[in-house]
Amino acid sequence: VEPYLAGTSTRWAAAALEDVPHRVLGLGTAQEELRHYGTMQDHLAAHGLDPRGLRERIGAFLRLRRA
């Protein structure tokens, strides 16, 4: 999970792993700016960075690998 925009750190991860087969899922905030999201928990949920959102996104990423 990236501290800022999704995909910000993926090039560094890809460079570090260039000698081995790998896939990277960049998870972070969306490019669009959210201004009215309420609490920090609401903010995390809006970006899919709460536990449920992370579980769903990581699960989908891992399921794609098995298919």
PDB file of N, CA and C in Angstrom:
ATOM      1  N   VAL A   1       0.859  -1.172   0.000  1.00  0.00           N
ATOM      2  CA  VAL A   1       0.000   0.000   0.000  1.00  0.00           C
ATOM      3  C   VAL A   1       0.897   1.225   0.000  1.00  0.00           C
ATOM      4  N   GLU A   2       0.637   2.108  -0.924  1.00  0.00           N
ATOM      5  CA  GLU A   2       1.462   3.299  -1.069  1.00  0.00           C
ATOM      6  C   GLU A   2       0.925   4.441  -0.209  1.00  0.00           C
ATOM      7  N   PRO A   3       1.813   5.288   0.264  1.00  0.00           N
ATOM      8  CA  PRO A   3       1.362   6.375   1.132  1.00  0.00           C
ATOM      9  C   PRO A   3       0.655   7.498   0.383  1.00  0.00           C
ATOM     10  N   TYR A   4       0.761   7.521  -0.923  1.00  0.00           N
ATOM     11  CA  TYR A   4       0.188   8.611  -1.706  1.00  0.00           C
ATOM     12  C   TYR A   4      -0.646   8.045  -2.842  1.00  0.00           C
ATOM     13  N   LEU A   5      -0.551   8.613  -4.018  1.00  0.00           N
ATOM     14  CA  LEU A   5      -1.333   8.171  -5.160  1.00  0.00           C
ATOM     15  C   LEU A   5      -0.990   6.747  -5.568  1.00  0.00           C
ATOM     16  N   ALA A   6      -1.996   6.006  -5.968  1.00  0.00           N
ATOM     17  CA  ALA A   6      -1.786   4.638  -6.439  1.00  0.00           C
ATOM     18  C   ALA A   6      -0.829   4.649  -7.622  1.00  0.00           C
ATOM     19  N   GLY A   7       0.137   3.761  -7.615  1.00  0.00           N
ATOM     20  CA  GLY A   7       1.089   3.645  -8.709  1.00  0.00           C
ATOM     21  C   GLY A   7       2.345   4.478  -8.561  1.00  0.00           C
ATOM     22  N   THR A   8       2.402   5.325  -7.538  1.00  0.00           N
ATOM     23  CA  THR A   8       3.543   6.218  -7.357  1.00  0.00           C
ATOM     24  C   THR A   8       4.847   5.454  -7.175  1.00  0.00           C
ATOM     25  N   SER A   9       4.814   4.354  -6.462  1.00  0.00           N
ATOM     26  CA  SER A   9       6.033   3.604  -6.137  1.00  0.00           C
ATOM     27  C   SER A   9       6.237   2.367  -7.004  1.00  0.00           C
ATOM     28  N   THR A  10       5.322   2.079  -7.898  1.00  0.00           N
ATOM     29  CA  THR A  10       5.413   0.820  -8.638  1.00  0.00           C
ATOM     30  C   THR A  10       6.648   0.732  -9.527  1.00  0.00           C
ATOM     31  N   ARG A  11       7.087   1.843 -10.069  1.00  0.00           N
ATOM     32  CA  ARG A  11       8.285   1.750 -10.932  1.00  0.00           C
ATOM     33  C   ARG A  11       9.510   1.353 -10.126  1.00  0.00           C
ATOM     34  N   TRP A  12       9.583   1.784  -8.869  1.00  0.00           N
ATOM     35  CA  TRP A  12      10.714   1.409  -8.014  1.00  0.00           C
ATOM     36  C   TRP A  12      10.640  -0.077  -7.676  1.00  0.00           C
ATOM     37  N   ALA A  13       9.453  -0.569  -7.404  1.00  0.00           N
ATOM     38  CA  ALA A  13       9.289  -1.998  -7.117  1.00  0.00           C
ATOM     39  C   ALA A  13       9.639  -2.820  -8.357  1.00  0.00           C
ATOM     40  N   ALA A  14       9.167  -2.388  -9.515  1.00  0.00           N
ATOM     41  CA  ALA A  14       9.463  -3.099 -10.757  1.00  0.00           C
ATOM     42  C   ALA A  14      10.963  -3.106 -11.042  1.00  0.00           C
ATOM     43  N   ALA A  15      11.633  -1.995 -10.798  1.00  0.00           N
ATOM     44  CA  ALA A  15      13.081  -1.928 -11.018  1.00  0.00           C
ATOM     45  C   ALA A  15      13.824  -2.866 -10.072  1.00  0.00           C
ATOM     46  N   ALA A  16      13.385  -2.938  -8.836  1.00  0.00           N
ATOM     47  CA  ALA A  16      14.042  -3.809  -7.857  1.00  0.00           C
ATOM     48  C   ALA A  16      13.835  -5.282  -8.189  1.00  0.00           C
ATOM     49  N   LEU A  17      12.750  -5.586  -8.881  1.00  0.00           N
ATOM     50  CA  LEU A  17      12.415  -6.981  -9.184  1.00  0.00           C
ATOM     51  C   LEU A  17      12.599  -7.324 -10.657  1.00  0.00           C
ATOM     52  N   GLU A  18      13.337  -6.514 -11.392  1.00  0.00           N
ATOM     53  CA  GLU A  18      13.418  -6.708 -12.840  1.00  0.00           C
ATOM     54  C   GLU A  18      14.018  -8.048 -13.260  1.00  0.00           C
ATOM     55  N   ASP A  19      14.770  -8.689 -12.397  1.00  0.00           N
ATOM     56  CA  ASP A  19      15.391  -9.969 -12.747  1.00  0.00           C
ATOM     57  C   ASP A  19      14.522 -11.178 -12.428  1.00  0.00           C
ATOM     58  N   VAL A  20      13.365 -10.953 -11.847  1.00  0.00           N
ATOM     59  CA  VAL A  20      12.480 -12.068 -11.489  1.00  0.00           C
ATOM     60  C   VAL A  20      11.067 -11.778 -11.995  1.00  0.00           C
ATOM     61  N   PRO A  21      10.344 -12.832 -12.392  1.00  0.00           N
ATOM     62  CA  PRO A  21       8.946 -12.617 -12.786  1.00  0.00           C
ATOM     63  C   PRO A  21       8.167 -12.059 -11.593  1.00  0.00           C
ATOM     64  N   HIS A  22       7.366 -11.067 -11.841  1.00  0.00           N
ATOM     65  CA  HIS A  22       6.603 -10.459 -10.747  1.00  0.00           C
ATOM     66  C   HIS A  22       5.404  -9.692 -11.298  1.00  0.00           C
ATOM     67  N   ARG A  23       4.486  -9.412 -10.413  1.00  0.00           N
ATOM     68  CA  ARG A  23       3.355  -8.525 -10.698  1.00  0.00           C
ATOM     69  C   ARG A  23       3.265  -7.555  -9.532  1.00  0.00           C
ATOM     70  N   VAL A  24       2.870  -6.349  -9.812  1.00  0.00           N
ATOM     71  CA  VAL A  24       2.762  -5.331  -8.767  1.00  0.00           C
ATOM     72  C   VAL A  24       1.351  -4.749  -8.799  1.00  0.00           C
ATOM     73  N   LEU A  25       0.763  -4.651  -7.643  1.00  0.00           N
ATOM     74  CA  LEU A  25      -0.542  -4.009  -7.499  1.00  0.00           C
ATOM     75  C   LEU A  25      -0.334  -2.739  -6.693  1.00  0.00           C
ATOM     76  N   GLY A  26      -0.381  -1.601  -7.340  1.00  0.00           N
ATOM     77  CA  GLY A  26      -0.187  -0.325  -6.648  1.00  0.00           C
ATOM     78  C   GLY A  26      -1.474   0.126  -5.983  1.00  0.00           C
ATOM     79  N   LEU A  27      -1.497   0.093  -4.679  1.00  0.00           N
ATOM     80  CA  LEU A  27      -2.678   0.515  -3.928  1.00  0.00           C
ATOM     81  C   LEU A  27      -2.374   1.823  -3.216  1.00  0.00           C
ATOM     82  N   GLY A  28      -3.171   2.802  -3.458  1.00  0.00           N
ATOM     83  CA  GLY A  28      -3.025   4.103  -2.812  1.00  0.00           C
ATOM     84  C   GLY A  28      -4.264   4.920  -3.094  1.00  0.00           C
ATOM     85  N   THR A  29      -4.188   6.197  -2.848  1.00  0.00           N
ATOM     86  CA  THR A  29      -5.349   7.038  -3.112  1.00  0.00           C
ATOM     87  C   THR A  29      -5.544   7.204  -4.610  1.00  0.00           C
ATOM     88  N   ALA A  30      -6.780   7.441  -5.006  1.00  0.00           N
ATOM     89  CA  ALA A  30      -7.111   7.637  -6.414  1.00  0.00           C
ATOM     90  C   ALA A  30      -6.640   9.011  -6.870  1.00  0.00           C
ATOM     91  N   GLN A  31      -6.504   9.182  -8.158  1.00  0.00           N
ATOM     92  CA  GLN A  31      -6.081  10.464  -8.720  1.00  0.00           C
ATOM     93  C   GLN A  31      -7.101  11.559  -8.420  1.00  0.00           C
ATOM     94  N   GLU A  32      -8.391  11.193  -8.473  1.00  0.00           N
ATOM     95  CA  GLU A  32      -9.419  12.201  -8.210  1.00  0.00           C
ATOM     96  C   GLU A  32      -9.383  12.628  -6.747  1.00  0.00           C
ATOM     97  N   GLU A  33      -9.602  13.886  -6.526  1.00  0.00           N
ATOM     98  CA  GLU A  33      -9.547  14.421  -5.172  1.00  0.00           C
ATOM     99  C   GLU A  33     -10.919  14.322  -4.514  1.00  0.00           C
ATOM    100  N   LEU A  34     -10.947  13.803  -3.306  1.00  0.00           N
ATOM    101  CA  LEU A  34     -12.186  13.718  -2.533  1.00  0.00           C
ATOM    102  C   LEU A  34     -12.132  14.774  -1.439  1.00  0.00           C
ATOM    103  N   ARG A  35     -13.132  15.624  -1.380  1.00  0.00           N
ATOM    104  CA  ARG A  35     -13.114  16.705  -0.397  1.00  0.00           C
ATOM    105  C   ARG A  35     -14.136  16.531   0.712  1.00  0.00           C
ATOM    106  N   HIS A  36     -15.164  15.745   0.498  1.00  0.00           N
ATOM    107  CA  HIS A  36     -16.242  15.615   1.483  1.00  0.00           C
ATOM    108  C   HIS A  36     -16.404  14.147   1.859  1.00  0.00           C
ATOM    109  N   TYR A  37     -15.502  13.659   2.651  1.00  0.00           N
ATOM    110  CA  TYR A  37     -15.523  12.246   2.987  1.00  0.00           C
ATOM    111  C   TYR A  37     -15.745  11.982   4.463  1.00  0.00           C
ATOM    112  N   GLY A  38     -15.834  12.967   5.318  1.00  0.00           N
ATOM    113  CA  GLY A  38     -16.131  12.755   6.736  1.00  0.00           C
ATOM    114  C   GLY A  38     -14.907  12.387   7.544  1.00  0.00           C
ATOM    115  N   THR A  39     -14.965  11.252   8.215  1.00  0.00           N
ATOM    116  CA  THR A  39     -13.895  10.802   9.100  1.00  0.00           C
ATOM    117  C   THR A  39     -12.754  10.167   8.307  1.00  0.00           C
ATOM    118  N   MET A  40     -11.661   9.890   8.999  1.00  0.00           N
ATOM    119  CA  MET A  40     -10.538   9.199   8.357  1.00  0.00           C
ATOM    120  C   MET A  40     -10.987   7.831   7.846  1.00  0.00           C
ATOM    121  N   GLN A  41     -11.818   7.135   8.606  1.00  0.00           N
ATOM    122  CA  GLN A  41     -12.332   5.837   8.150  1.00  0.00           C
ATOM    123  C   GLN A  41     -13.144   5.999   6.865  1.00  0.00           C
ATOM    124  N   ASP A  42     -13.951   7.055   6.780  1.00  0.00           N
ATOM    125  CA  ASP A  42     -14.713   7.324   5.560  1.00  0.00           C
ATOM    126  C   ASP A  42     -13.770   7.591   4.388  1.00  0.00           C
ATOM    127  N   HIS A  43     -12.710   8.328   4.643  1.00  0.00           N
ATOM    128  CA  HIS A  43     -11.713   8.645   3.616  1.00  0.00           C
ATOM    129  C   HIS A  43     -11.045   7.363   3.106  1.00  0.00           C
ATOM    130  N   LEU A  44     -10.627   6.513   4.032  1.00  0.00           N
ATOM    131  CA  LEU A  44      -9.988   5.250   3.645  1.00  0.00           C
ATOM    132  C   LEU A  44     -10.947   4.383   2.838  1.00  0.00           C
ATOM    133  N   ALA A  45     -12.189   4.288   3.284  1.00  0.00           N
ATOM    134  CA  ALA A  45     -13.187   3.485   2.571  1.00  0.00           C
ATOM    135  C   ALA A  45     -13.447   4.055   1.176  1.00  0.00           C
ATOM    136  N   ALA A  46     -13.508   5.373   1.052  1.00  0.00           N
ATOM    137  CA  ALA A  46     -13.764   6.001  -0.245  1.00  0.00           C
ATOM    138  C   ALA A  46     -12.667   5.673  -1.255  1.00  0.00           C
ATOM    139  N   HIS A  47     -11.461   5.472  -0.780  1.00  0.00           N
ATOM    140  CA  HIS A  47     -10.336   5.129  -1.658  1.00  0.00           C
ATOM    141  C   HIS A  47     -10.086   3.625  -1.727  1.00  0.00           C
ATOM    142  N   GLY A  48     -10.917   2.826  -1.060  1.00  0.00           N
ATOM    143  CA  GLY A  48     -10.715   1.381  -1.059  1.00  0.00           C
ATOM    144  C   GLY A  48      -9.518   0.953  -0.239  1.00  0.00           C
ATOM    145  N   LEU A  49      -9.135   1.762   0.751  1.00  0.00           N
ATOM    146  CA  LEU A  49      -7.950   1.469   1.557  1.00  0.00           C
ATOM    147  C   LEU A  49      -8.293   1.032   2.975  1.00  0.00           C
ATOM    148  N   ASP A  50      -9.563   0.800   3.239  1.00  0.00           N
ATOM    149  CA  ASP A  50      -9.971   0.247   4.528  1.00  0.00           C
ATOM    150  C   ASP A  50      -9.781  -1.267   4.457  1.00  0.00           C
ATOM    151  N   PRO A  51      -9.877  -1.984   5.566  1.00  0.00           N
ATOM    152  CA  PRO A  51      -9.642  -3.434   5.528  1.00  0.00           C
ATOM    153  C   PRO A  51     -10.490  -4.163   4.487  1.00  0.00           C
ATOM    154  N   ARG A  52     -11.757  -3.824   4.389  1.00  0.00           N
ATOM    155  CA  ARG A  52     -12.627  -4.496   3.419  1.00  0.00           C
ATOM    156  C   ARG A  52     -12.180  -4.209   1.984  1.00  0.00           C
ATOM    157  N   GLY A  53     -11.917  -2.938   1.687  1.00  0.00           N
ATOM    158  CA  GLY A  53     -11.489  -2.569   0.341  1.00  0.00           C
ATOM    159  C   GLY A  53     -10.173  -3.216  -0.049  1.00  0.00           C
ATOM    160  N   LEU A  54      -9.218  -3.221   0.877  1.00  0.00           N
ATOM    161  CA  LEU A  54      -7.930  -3.868   0.602  1.00  0.00           C
ATOM    162  C   LEU A  54      -8.102  -5.360   0.371  1.00  0.00           C
ATOM    163  N   ARG A  55      -8.915  -6.004   1.206  1.00  0.00           N
ATOM    164  CA  ARG A  55      -9.158  -7.442   1.057  1.00  0.00           C
ATOM    165  C   ARG A  55      -9.759  -7.742  -0.315  1.00  0.00           C
ATOM    166  N   GLU A  56     -10.733  -6.942  -0.731  1.00  0.00           N
ATOM    167  CA  GLU A  56     -11.374  -7.163  -2.027  1.00  0.00           C
ATOM    168  C   GLU A  56     -10.400  -6.941  -3.182  1.00  0.00           C
ATOM    169  N   ARG A  57      -9.645  -5.865  -3.123  1.00  0.00           N
ATOM    170  CA  ARG A  57      -8.727  -5.543  -4.219  1.00  0.00           C
ATOM    171  C   ARG A  57      -7.565  -6.526  -4.303  1.00  0.00           C
ATOM    172  N   ILE A  58      -7.005  -6.888  -3.173  1.00  0.00           N
ATOM    173  CA  ILE A  58      -5.902  -7.856  -3.169  1.00  0.00           C
ATOM    174  C   ILE A  58      -6.419  -9.230  -3.564  1.00  0.00           C
ATOM    175  N   GLY A  59      -7.595  -9.600  -3.068  1.00  0.00           N
ATOM    176  CA  GLY A  59      -8.196 -10.886  -3.439  1.00  0.00           C
ATOM    177  C   GLY A  59      -8.425 -10.986  -4.937  1.00  0.00           C
ATOM    178  N   ALA A  60      -8.960  -9.931  -5.539  1.00  0.00           N
ATOM    179  CA  ALA A  60      -9.189  -9.924  -6.985  1.00  0.00           C
ATOM    180  C   ALA A  60      -7.870 -10.028  -7.745  1.00  0.00           C
ATOM    181  N   PHE A  61      -6.851  -9.342  -7.281  1.00  0.00           N
ATOM    182  CA  PHE A  61      -5.525  -9.389  -7.900  1.00  0.00           C
ATOM    183  C   PHE A  61      -4.959 -10.807  -7.851  1.00  0.00           C
ATOM    184  N   LEU A  62      -5.089 -11.460  -6.708  1.00  0.00           N
ATOM    185  CA  LEU A  62      -4.573 -12.820  -6.566  1.00  0.00           C
ATOM    186  C   LEU A  62      -5.395 -13.819  -7.363  1.00  0.00           C
ATOM    187  N   ARG A  63      -6.699 -13.616  -7.454  1.00  0.00           N
ATOM    188  CA  ARG A  63      -7.545 -14.517  -8.252  1.00  0.00           C
ATOM    189  C   ARG A  63      -7.188 -14.424  -9.724  1.00  0.00           C
ATOM    190  N   LEU A  64      -6.822 -13.263 -10.218  1.00  0.00           N
ATOM    191  CA  LEU A  64      -6.421 -13.115 -11.619  1.00  0.00           C
ATOM    192  C   LEU A  64      -5.209 -13.971 -11.930  1.00  0.00           C
ATOM    193  N   ARG A  65      -4.334 -14.105 -10.966  1.00  0.00           N
ATOM    194  CA  ARG A  65      -3.125 -14.907 -11.158  1.00  0.00           C
ATOM    195  C   ARG A  65      -3.470 -16.378 -11.337  1.00  0.00           C
ATOM    196  N   ARG A  66      -4.466 -16.843 -10.611  1.00  0.00           N
ATOM    197  CA  ARG A  66      -4.849 -18.263 -10.665  1.00  0.00           C
ATOM    198  C   ARG A  66      -5.605 -18.605 -11.938  1.00  0.00           C
ATOM    199  N   ALA A  67      -6.237 -17.622 -12.544  1.00  0.00           N
ATOM    200  CA  ALA A  67      -7.082 -17.884 -13.718  1.00  0.00           C
ATOM    201  C   ALA A  67      -6.259 -18.207 -14.943  1.00  0.00           C
TER     202      ALA A  67
END
